[in-house]
Amino acid sequence: MQTAPFKHVPNRQGVQLAVKAREFSISREDFKNFLDDQEKVESFFNLLNNGNWLKKLETSAAEIGGRIYVIKNLVVDYSQSHNDAATAGGPQTSSDYNVLKIGDLYQPGNKKITETIVLFNWPKGGGSYQKAVEWGTVNSFNKTTPHVPFAVGEKFSDLNYTLGPNPMYVVETTGCSFIGLAGACCVCWDDTKRDSGLDWQGNFGGCSGWFAFRKPN
């Protein structure tokens, strides 16, 4: 007994997608070529996934009273010395600041890396350095070293006017030990003034603080 050849019948969603393509003046042939191009299809769904990722992240932050800000394509020059990066990010950094006394803890690398940086903040305060690090870990982010806030300061000199409040700071999330105590490096914005600093981890967490994390590729 012969059976009729199988004929593919597109489902309702497939038909709707094809109709939408025609609304944007995309021919049937171009639409089919798009579906046959694996790289284009993957790029399309990655774009959708990134949108979902951001919504989920915003929800995760809101659940603990926080908010986020994403910086895409930030070039971080890890080949720059710690002290040079600190003064580039904070031009008003004084030569006697403690942040310039720990350069030996951070040996320069050999490359520049383009990264996506997620900044996390408690707009009403009530946070802490440890809570921020735990939030970053739960969301599978990588911790940042001082080169990241230094790069943010250098590339975004008026970030305080974009984010608020003013003054504000961005702090790295790896931390270090200075005179036997746990500290972390940051860049502080105050109107047009910008300087790098080293403070104790227990002092971070107010509404002015933004904690920096690296989004894995």
Foldseek 3Di string as FASTA:
>chain_A
DDDDDDDDDDDPVVVVVVVVCVVVVHDPVNVVVCVVDPVNVVVVVVVVVVVVLQVVLQVLQVVVQKGKDKDFFQKQQLQDQQVVLQCLLFVPADPPFCSVVCRVVRHGDDGIDTFMKMWMFRQAWPFFLVNVLVSCVVSPWAWDAQSVQSSCSNVCQPVCVVPDDAWAKEWTNPFDADPRATKTKIWTGHPNGIGIHIDGRGVDTGNRYIYMTTDDD
